[in-house]
Amino acid sequence: MKETSKAYDQVIAQCRNLFGRKMKDYGAAWRILRLPSLTDQIFIKAQRIRSLQEKQVQKVAEGQEAEFIGIINYSVMALIQLEKGVVETPDLDAEAALALFDEHIGRTKALMEAKNHDYGEAWRDMRVSSLTDLILQKLLRVKQIEDNQGKTEVSEGVDANYQDIINYAVFAMIHLEENTQPAIKS
């Protein structure tokens, strides 16, 4: 599990770096986005990943990794929007946005560690395509909850679904990274 924690942190460091750089370029323009808009952005990225996994030809240079990073970062934005609410004009500087990023990733990683303990790191035996499908399923659940004005009868809320989406995307990134490393010969 220590290896998973380290790999998780490495993936998140990539995501956080890009998030910070985009904050410098665009500021917190994303703060005006309503949750369904963020959900749709994540959905588009997950659909593209699935398309890349199924097709033999790729016409845009960005691969699965860039899309998984986008899924993680947009999911963090959604968690921030859930906590702080949507605003009419951007209201966060880079430092405040990164502090919120860290706070939500901290909670999400703690959830991953608890589930990883209980499930015995079962995700390591899963395929990246299965993780992609689970992300899409979670997004369809979120869309339904949004259509129900956030009400659920027996299910967890959208926040738990966004956290699961982040964790599945991190697991996919870890798989992709581990499968591109050259085999070590003894």
C-alpha atoms as a PDB file:
ATOM      1  CA  MET A   1       0.000   0.000   0.000  1.00  0.00           C
ATOM      2  CA  LYS A   2       2.972   2.304   0.590  1.00  0.00           C
ATOM      3  CA  GLU A   3       3.838   1.941  -3.101  1.00  0.00           C
ATOM      4  CA  THR A   4       0.292   2.962  -4.068  1.00  0.00           C
ATOM      5  CA  SER A   5       0.458   6.031  -1.834  1.00  0.00           C
ATOM      6  CA  LYS A   6       3.716   7.140  -3.444  1.00  0.00           C
ATOM      7  CA  ALA A   7       2.426   6.535  -6.987  1.00  0.00           C
ATOM      8  CA  TYR A   8      -0.820   8.358  -6.110  1.00  0.00           C
ATOM      9  CA  ASP A   9       1.165  11.374  -4.902  1.00  0.00           C
ATOM     10  CA  GLN A  10       3.219  11.408  -8.114  1.00  0.00           C
ATOM     11  CA  VAL A  11       0.097  11.466 -10.280  1.00  0.00           C
ATOM     12  CA  ILE A  12      -1.472  14.180  -8.138  1.00  0.00           C
ATOM     13  CA  ALA A  13       1.739  16.235  -8.340  1.00  0.00           C
ATOM     14  CA  GLN A  14       1.388  16.248 -12.154  1.00  0.00           C
ATOM     15  CA  CYS A  15      -2.262  17.280 -11.879  1.00  0.00           C
ATOM     16  CA  ARG A  16      -1.549  19.973  -9.291  1.00  0.00           C
ATOM     17  CA  ASN A  17       1.293  21.388 -11.383  1.00  0.00           C
ATOM     18  CA  LEU A  18      -0.965  21.719 -14.422  1.00  0.00           C
ATOM     19  CA  PHE A  19      -3.796  23.135 -12.276  1.00  0.00           C
ATOM     20  CA  GLY A  20      -1.426  25.805 -10.909  1.00  0.00           C
ATOM     21  CA  ARG A  21      -0.074  26.678 -14.336  1.00  0.00           C
ATOM     22  CA  LYS A  22      -3.589  27.013 -15.751  1.00  0.00           C
ATOM     23  CA  MET A  23      -4.514  29.247 -12.806  1.00  0.00           C
ATOM     24  CA  LYS A  24      -1.684  31.555 -13.914  1.00  0.00           C
ATOM     25  CA  ASP A  25      -2.944  31.522 -17.513  1.00  0.00           C
ATOM     26  CA  TYR A  26      -6.699  31.768 -16.910  1.00  0.00           C
ATOM     27  CA  GLY A  27      -7.220  32.638 -13.268  1.00  0.00           C
ATOM     28  CA  ALA A  28     -10.219  31.042 -11.585  1.00  0.00           C
ATOM     29  CA  ALA A  29     -12.563  31.493 -14.556  1.00  0.00           C
ATOM     30  CA  TRP A  30     -13.867  27.982 -13.810  1.00  0.00           C
ATOM     31  CA  ARG A  31     -15.528  29.349 -10.638  1.00  0.00           C
ATOM     32  CA  ILE A  32     -18.481  30.513 -12.763  1.00  0.00           C
ATOM     33  CA  LEU A  33     -19.213  26.967 -13.972  1.00  0.00           C
ATOM     34  CA  ARG A  34     -22.277  25.249 -12.597  1.00  0.00           C
ATOM     35  CA  LEU A  35     -21.923  21.613 -11.550  1.00  0.00           C
ATOM     36  CA  PRO A  36     -23.682  20.181 -14.631  1.00  0.00           C
ATOM     37  CA  SER A  37     -21.185  22.054 -16.829  1.00  0.00           C
ATOM     38  CA  LEU A  38     -18.259  20.521 -14.939  1.00  0.00           C
ATOM     39  CA  THR A  39     -19.893  17.089 -15.060  1.00  0.00           C
ATOM     40  CA  ASP A  40     -20.287  17.446 -18.829  1.00  0.00           C
ATOM     41  CA  GLN A  41     -16.616  18.462 -19.224  1.00  0.00           C
ATOM     42  CA  ILE A  42     -15.546  15.372 -17.308  1.00  0.00           C
ATOM     43  CA  PHE A  43     -17.962  13.241 -19.347  1.00  0.00           C
ATOM     44  CA  ILE A  44     -16.482  14.507 -22.627  1.00  0.00           C
ATOM     45  CA  LYS A  45     -12.978  13.612 -21.454  1.00  0.00           C
ATOM     46  CA  ALA A  46     -14.052  10.133 -20.318  1.00  0.00           C
ATOM     47  CA  GLN A  47     -15.853   9.547 -23.631  1.00  0.00           C
ATOM     48  CA  ARG A  48     -12.703  10.540 -25.524  1.00  0.00           C
ATOM     49  CA  ILE A  49     -10.632   8.097 -23.463  1.00  0.00           C
ATOM     50  CA  ARG A  50     -13.084   5.310 -24.243  1.00  0.00           C
ATOM     51  CA  SER A  51     -12.972   6.243 -27.924  1.00  0.00           C
ATOM     52  CA  LEU A  52      -9.144   6.170 -27.883  1.00  0.00           C
ATOM     53  CA  GLN A  53      -9.246   2.743 -26.244  1.00  0.00           C
ATOM     54  CA  GLU A  54     -11.596   1.376 -28.907  1.00  0.00           C
ATOM     55  CA  LYS A  55     -10.231   2.970 -32.100  1.00  0.00           C
ATOM     56  CA  GLN A  56      -7.020   2.144 -33.876  1.00  0.00           C
ATOM     57  CA  VAL A  57      -6.478   5.665 -35.218  1.00  0.00           C
ATOM     58  CA  GLN A  58      -5.972   8.772 -33.096  1.00  0.00           C
ATOM     59  CA  LYS A  59      -6.280  12.153 -34.851  1.00  0.00           C
ATOM     60  CA  VAL A  60      -5.492  14.496 -31.915  1.00  0.00           C
ATOM     61  CA  ALA A  61      -2.041  14.233 -30.343  1.00  0.00           C
ATOM     62  CA  GLU A  62      -3.126  14.248 -26.689  1.00  0.00           C
ATOM     63  CA  GLY A  63      -3.481  10.736 -25.330  1.00  0.00           C
ATOM     64  CA  GLN A  64      -5.289   9.118 -22.443  1.00  0.00           C
ATOM     65  CA  GLU A  65      -2.949  10.519 -19.806  1.00  0.00           C
ATOM     66  CA  ALA A  66      -3.819  14.143 -20.596  1.00  0.00           C
ATOM     67  CA  GLU A  67      -7.526  13.306 -20.473  1.00  0.00           C
ATOM     68  CA  PHE A  68      -7.214  11.499 -17.125  1.00  0.00           C
ATOM     69  CA  ILE A  69      -5.387  14.547 -15.727  1.00  0.00           C
ATOM     70  CA  GLY A  70      -8.255  16.697 -17.001  1.00  0.00           C
ATOM     71  CA  ILE A  71     -10.787  14.391 -15.322  1.00  0.00           C
ATOM     72  CA  ILE A  72      -8.941  14.681 -12.022  1.00  0.00           C
ATOM     73  CA  ASN A  73      -8.625  18.468 -12.184  1.00  0.00           C
ATOM     74  CA  TYR A  74     -12.219  19.073 -13.274  1.00  0.00           C
ATOM     75  CA  SER A  75     -13.413  16.740 -10.515  1.00  0.00           C
ATOM     76  CA  VAL A  76     -11.469  18.760  -7.951  1.00  0.00           C
ATOM     77  CA  MET A  77     -13.057  21.923  -9.362  1.00  0.00           C
ATOM     78  CA  ALA A  78     -16.477  20.284  -8.934  1.00  0.00           C
ATOM     79  CA  LEU A  79     -15.707  19.440  -5.303  1.00  0.00           C
ATOM     80  CA  ILE A  80     -14.656  23.047  -4.723  1.00  0.00           C
ATOM     81  CA  GLN A  81     -17.856  24.289  -6.370  1.00  0.00           C
ATOM     82  CA  LEU A  82     -19.902  21.966  -4.145  1.00  0.00           C
ATOM     83  CA  GLU A  83     -18.207  23.419  -1.075  1.00  0.00           C
ATOM     84  CA  LYS A  84     -18.048  27.099  -2.019  1.00  0.00           C
ATOM     85  CA  GLY A  85     -20.905  27.468  -4.492  1.00  0.00           C
ATOM     86  CA  VAL A  86     -20.893  28.981  -7.961  1.00  0.00           C
ATOM     87  CA  VAL A  87     -19.962  32.659  -8.329  1.00  0.00           C
ATOM     88  CA  GLU A  88     -20.694  35.306 -10.949  1.00  0.00           C
ATOM     89  CA  THR A  89     -17.055  36.423 -11.217  1.00  0.00           C
ATOM     90  CA  PRO A  90     -13.834  34.576 -10.348  1.00  0.00           C
ATOM     91  CA  ASP A  91     -12.981  35.029  -6.679  1.00  0.00           C
ATOM     92  CA  LEU A  92      -9.901  32.893  -5.995  1.00  0.00           C
ATOM     93  CA  ASP A  93      -6.254  33.630  -6.543  1.00  0.00           C
ATOM     94  CA  ALA A  94      -3.836  30.819  -7.385  1.00  0.00           C
ATOM     95  CA  GLU A  95      -2.710  30.355  -3.787  1.00  0.00           C
ATOM     96  CA  ALA A  96      -6.269  29.977  -2.446  1.00  0.00           C
ATOM     97  CA  ALA A  97      -7.281  27.685  -5.308  1.00  0.00           C
ATOM     98  CA  LEU A  98      -4.251  25.447  -4.746  1.00  0.00           C
ATOM     99  CA  ALA A  99      -4.989  25.293  -1.010  1.00  0.00           C
ATOM    100  CA  LEU A 100      -8.524  24.114  -1.816  1.00  0.00           C
ATOM    101  CA  PHE A 101      -7.105  21.656  -4.364  1.00  0.00           C
ATOM    102  CA  ASP A 102      -4.837  20.199  -1.670  1.00  0.00           C
ATOM    103  CA  GLU A 103      -7.666  20.028   0.870  1.00  0.00           C
ATOM    104  CA  HIS A 104      -9.989  18.102  -1.460  1.00  0.00           C
ATOM    105  CA  ILE A 105      -7.241  15.803  -2.706  1.00  0.00           C
ATOM    106  CA  GLY A 106      -6.307  15.078   0.914  1.00  0.00           C
ATOM    107  CA  ARG A 107      -9.863  13.949   1.671  1.00  0.00           C
ATOM    108  CA  THR A 108     -10.048  11.990  -1.574  1.00  0.00           C
ATOM    109  CA  LYS A 109      -6.743  10.223  -0.927  1.00  0.00           C
ATOM    110  CA  ALA A 110      -7.890   9.310   2.600  1.00  0.00           C
ATOM    111  CA  LEU A 111     -11.007   7.751   1.069  1.00  0.00           C
ATOM    112  CA  MET A 112      -8.822   5.839  -1.400  1.00  0.00           C
ATOM    113  CA  GLU A 113      -6.625   4.526   1.401  1.00  0.00           C
ATOM    114  CA  ALA A 114      -9.629   3.340   3.420  1.00  0.00           C
ATOM    115  CA  LYS A 115     -11.200   1.617   0.415  1.00  0.00           C
ATOM    116  CA  ASN A 116      -7.854   0.234  -0.723  1.00  0.00           C
ATOM    117  CA  HIS A 117      -7.439  -1.357   2.708  1.00  0.00           C
ATOM    118  CA  ASP A 118     -10.886  -2.937   2.590  1.00  0.00           C
ATOM    119  CA  TYR A 119     -10.701  -4.068  -1.041  1.00  0.00           C
ATOM    120  CA  GLY A 120      -7.098  -5.265  -0.898  1.00  0.00           C
ATOM    121  CA  GLU A 121      -5.943  -3.112  -3.826  1.00  0.00           C
ATOM    122  CA  ALA A 122      -8.283  -4.947  -6.217  1.00  0.00           C
ATOM    123  CA  TRP A 123      -7.858  -2.080  -8.702  1.00  0.00           C
ATOM    124  CA  ARG A 124      -4.373  -3.387  -9.499  1.00  0.00           C
ATOM    125  CA  ASP A 125      -6.002  -6.367 -11.238  1.00  0.00           C
ATOM    126  CA  MET A 126      -8.360  -4.162 -13.250  1.00  0.00           C
ATOM    127  CA  ARG A 127      -7.851  -2.956 -16.788  1.00  0.00           C
ATOM    128  CA  VAL A 128      -7.606   0.740 -17.658  1.00  0.00           C
ATOM    129  CA  SER A 129     -10.651   0.241 -19.885  1.00  0.00           C
ATOM    130  CA  SER A 130     -12.655  -1.006 -16.881  1.00  0.00           C
ATOM    131  CA  LEU A 131     -11.607   2.029 -14.848  1.00  0.00           C
ATOM    132  CA  THR A 132     -12.744   4.219 -17.748  1.00  0.00           C
ATOM    133  CA  ASP A 133     -16.121   2.473 -17.799  1.00  0.00           C
ATOM    134  CA  LEU A 134     -16.493   2.963 -14.039  1.00  0.00           C
ATOM    135  CA  ILE A 135     -15.756   6.675 -14.451  1.00  0.00           C
ATOM    136  CA  LEU A 136     -18.441   6.905 -17.137  1.00  0.00           C
ATOM    137  CA  GLN A 137     -20.892   5.034 -14.900  1.00  0.00           C
ATOM    138  CA  LYS A 138     -20.186   7.409 -12.005  1.00  0.00           C
ATOM    139  CA  LEU A 139     -20.736  10.372 -14.344  1.00  0.00           C
ATOM    140  CA  LEU A 140     -24.088   9.002 -15.463  1.00  0.00           C
ATOM    141  CA  ARG A 141     -25.014   8.636 -11.790  1.00  0.00           C
ATOM    142  CA  VAL A 142     -23.971  12.234 -11.112  1.00  0.00           C
ATOM    143  CA  LYS A 143     -26.039  13.437 -14.088  1.00  0.00           C
ATOM    144  CA  GLN A 144     -29.083  11.597 -12.725  1.00  0.00           C
ATOM    145  CA  ILE A 145     -28.576  13.062  -9.248  1.00  0.00           C
ATOM    146  CA  GLU A 146     -28.227  16.516 -10.808  1.00  0.00           C
ATOM    147  CA  ASP A 147     -31.436  15.938 -12.761  1.00  0.00           C
ATOM    148  CA  ASN A 148     -33.072  15.020  -9.417  1.00  0.00           C
ATOM    149  CA  GLN A 149     -31.932  18.389  -7.964  1.00  0.00           C
ATOM    150  CA  GLY A 150     -29.346  16.624  -5.807  1.00  0.00           C
ATOM    151  CA  LYS A 151     -31.814  14.363  -4.034  1.00  0.00           C
ATOM    152  CA  THR A 152     -31.093  10.670  -3.505  1.00  0.00           C
ATOM    153  CA  GLU A 153     -33.094   8.057  -1.634  1.00  0.00           C
ATOM    154  CA  VAL A 154     -30.423   5.536  -0.685  1.00  0.00           C
ATOM    155  CA  SER A 155     -27.328   6.504  -2.657  1.00  0.00           C
ATOM    156  CA  GLU A 156     -24.273   8.568  -1.848  1.00  0.00           C
ATOM    157  CA  GLY A 157     -24.181  12.132  -3.112  1.00  0.00           C
ATOM    158  CA  VAL A 158     -22.327  13.716  -5.983  1.00  0.00           C
ATOM    159  CA  ASP A 159     -19.309  14.518  -3.814  1.00  0.00           C
ATOM    160  CA  ALA A 160     -18.582  10.817  -3.191  1.00  0.00           C
ATOM    161  CA  ASN A 161     -18.971  10.123  -6.903  1.00  0.00           C
ATOM    162  CA  TYR A 162     -16.499  12.878  -7.832  1.00  0.00           C
ATOM    163  CA  GLN A 163     -14.047  11.451  -5.280  1.00  0.00           C
ATOM    164  CA  ASP A 164     -14.409   7.969  -6.781  1.00  0.00           C
ATOM    165  CA  ILE A 165     -13.884   9.440 -10.251  1.00  0.00           C
ATOM    166  CA  ILE A 166     -10.651  11.067  -9.093  1.00  0.00           C
ATOM    167  CA  ASN A 167      -9.440   7.826  -7.536  1.00  0.00           C
ATOM    168  CA  TYR A 168     -10.308   5.719 -10.605  1.00  0.00           C
ATOM    169  CA  ALA A 169      -8.517   8.233 -12.829  1.00  0.00           C
ATOM    170  CA  VAL A 170      -5.427   8.146 -10.578  1.00  0.00           C
ATOM    171  CA  PHE A 171      -5.464   4.337 -10.686  1.00  0.00           C
ATOM    172  CA  ALA A 172      -5.658   4.452 -14.486  1.00  0.00           C
ATOM    173  CA  MET A 173      -2.715   6.859 -14.596  1.00  0.00           C
ATOM    174  CA  ILE A 174      -0.713   4.562 -12.321  1.00  0.00           C
ATOM    175  CA  HIS A 175      -1.478   1.611 -14.611  1.00  0.00           C
ATOM    176  CA  LEU A 176      -0.506   3.588 -17.700  1.00  0.00           C
ATOM    177  CA  GLU A 177       2.726   4.724 -16.047  1.00  0.00           C
ATOM    178  CA  GLU A 178       3.633   1.263 -14.792  1.00  0.00           C
ATOM    179  CA  ASN A 179       2.937  -0.309 -18.182  1.00  0.00           C
ATOM    180  CA  THR A 180       5.225   2.139 -19.991  1.00  0.00           C
ATOM    181  CA  GLN A 181       8.214   1.458 -17.745  1.00  0.00           C
ATOM    182  CA  PRO A 182      10.798  -0.928 -19.210  1.00  0.00           C
ATOM    183  CA  ALA A 183      10.879  -4.313 -17.543  1.00  0.00           C
ATOM    184  CA  ILE A 184      13.685  -4.719 -15.037  1.00  0.00           C
ATOM    185  CA  LYS A 185      15.853  -7.721 -15.823  1.00  0.00           C
ATOM    186  CA  SER A 186      17.366  -9.699 -12.981  1.00  0.00           C
END
